[in-house]
Amino acid sequence: MGEGAAAAREIRRLAQRVALLEAHHEALNTRIQALTDELKAVDAAPPVGAMYGEAVAFAKRGYDAAAIAERCGISIAEAQLVRSLAERHPRGT
C-alpha cells in the first residue's frame, strides 16, 4: 500500500502544480491582452503633426530643448516633451 499512497500524493501534488500553472497562464493571457489593446491605441493615435516634425528631427539630432524651441517657435515645455518622446521612440520621424 506504500506505493499506492505515494502515487496518490504525487498525483495530488502534480494536480496542485497544474492548477497553479493554469492560473499563472490565465494571468499572463490577461496581461498580454491588455498590452495588445494599449498597442492598438498607440498605433491608432494620429502621427505627430507637421508643426512638430521639424522639432522631432532636431531632437533626434541631439539639440537641447531651448534650441528646439527657438528654431521651431514652440515653448520650451513643448520642446522638452518632443525630446522626451523622441528619446523613447527613436524609430522614424
Protein backbone atom coordinates (compact mmCIF):
# COMPACT_ATOMS: atom_id res chain seq x y z
CA MET A 1 0.00 0.00 0.00
CA GLY A 2 3.03 2.27 0.30
CA GLU A 3 3.47 2.66 -3.42
CA GLY A 4 -0.21 3.43 -3.94
CA ALA A 5 -0.21 6.12 -1.23
CA ALA A 6 2.97 7.64 -2.63
CA ALA A 7 1.48 7.68 -6.11
CA ALA A 8 -1.71 9.32 -4.83
CA ARG A 9 0.35 12.03 -3.05
CA GLU A 10 2.33 12.63 -6.22
CA ILE A 11 -0.86 12.91 -8.26
CA ARG A 12 -2.29 15.46 -5.77
CA ARG A 13 0.98 17.43 -5.85
CA LEU A 14 1.01 17.46 -9.62
CA ALA A 15 -2.66 18.45 -9.77
CA GLN A 16 -1.93 21.41 -7.48
CA ARG A 17 1.03 22.38 -9.65
CA VAL A 18 -1.09 22.20 -12.80
CA ALA A 19 -3.76 24.39 -11.18
CA LEU A 20 -1.11 26.93 -10.20
CA LEU A 21 0.35 26.95 -13.71
CA GLU A 22 -3.11 27.33 -15.25
CA ALA A 23 -3.80 30.36 -13.03
CA HIS A 24 -0.45 31.87 -13.96
CA HIS A 25 -1.12 31.20 -17.64
CA GLU A 26 -4.50 32.92 -17.40
CA ALA A 27 -2.93 35.96 -15.69
CA LEU A 28 -0.33 36.18 -18.45
CA ASN A 29 -3.01 35.95 -21.14
CA THR A 30 -4.91 38.78 -19.45
CA ARG A 31 -1.76 40.92 -19.36
CA ILE A 32 -0.98 40.14 -23.00
CA GLN A 33 -4.48 41.21 -23.99
CA ALA A 34 -4.14 44.47 -22.04
CA LEU A 35 -0.80 45.21 -23.71
CA THR A 36 -2.24 44.36 -27.12
CA ASP A 37 -5.10 46.79 -26.52
CA GLU A 38 -2.64 49.51 -25.44
CA LEU A 39 -0.53 48.93 -28.55
CA LYS A 40 -3.58 49.20 -30.79
CA ALA A 41 -4.45 52.52 -29.14
CA VAL A 42 -0.92 53.82 -29.70
CA ASP A 43 -0.95 52.69 -33.32
CA ALA A 44 -4.33 54.37 -33.83
CA ALA A 45 -3.07 57.71 -32.49
CA PRO A 46 -2.56 60.34 -35.15
CA PRO A 47 1.03 60.95 -36.23
CA VAL A 48 2.96 63.93 -34.98
CA GLY A 49 1.68 66.99 -36.81
CA ALA A 50 3.81 68.78 -39.38
CA MET A 51 4.30 71.53 -36.82
CA TYR A 52 6.33 69.16 -34.65
CA GLY A 53 8.08 67.22 -37.40
CA GLU A 54 10.99 69.64 -37.52
CA ALA A 55 11.18 69.68 -33.72
CA VAL A 56 11.38 65.87 -33.67
CA ALA A 57 14.14 65.96 -36.27
CA PHE A 58 16.13 68.44 -34.15
CA ALA A 59 15.56 66.33 -31.04
CA LYS A 60 16.84 63.21 -32.80
CA ARG A 61 19.95 65.16 -33.79
CA GLY A 62 20.60 65.92 -30.13
CA TYR A 63 19.51 69.56 -29.91
CA ASP A 64 18.54 70.69 -26.42
CA ALA A 65 15.03 71.88 -25.61
CA ALA A 66 15.92 75.59 -25.69
CA ALA A 67 17.44 75.29 -29.18
CA ILE A 68 14.46 73.31 -30.46
CA ALA A 69 12.02 75.84 -29.01
CA GLU A 70 13.89 78.76 -30.55
CA ARG A 71 14.24 77.19 -34.00
CA CYS A 72 10.66 75.87 -34.18
CA GLY A 73 8.76 78.66 -32.45
CA ILE A 74 7.36 76.40 -29.74
CA SER A 75 7.52 76.65 -25.98
CA ILE A 76 10.37 75.10 -24.05
CA ALA A 77 7.84 72.77 -22.38
CA GLU A 78 6.69 71.56 -25.81
CA ALA A 79 10.32 71.12 -26.88
CA GLN A 80 11.06 69.12 -23.73
CA LEU A 81 8.09 66.89 -24.44
CA VAL A 82 9.19 66.39 -28.05
CA ARG A 83 12.72 65.48 -26.88
CA SER A 84 11.34 63.04 -24.33
CA LEU A 85 9.12 61.35 -26.90
CA ALA A 86 11.90 61.26 -29.49
CA GLU A 87 14.22 59.57 -26.99
CA ARG A 88 11.60 56.98 -26.09
CA HIS A 89 10.62 56.24 -29.69
CA PRO A 90 13.75 56.57 -31.78
CA ARG A 91 12.28 54.92 -34.88
CA GLY A 92 11.11 57.12 -37.73
CA THR A 93 10.47 60.90 -37.69
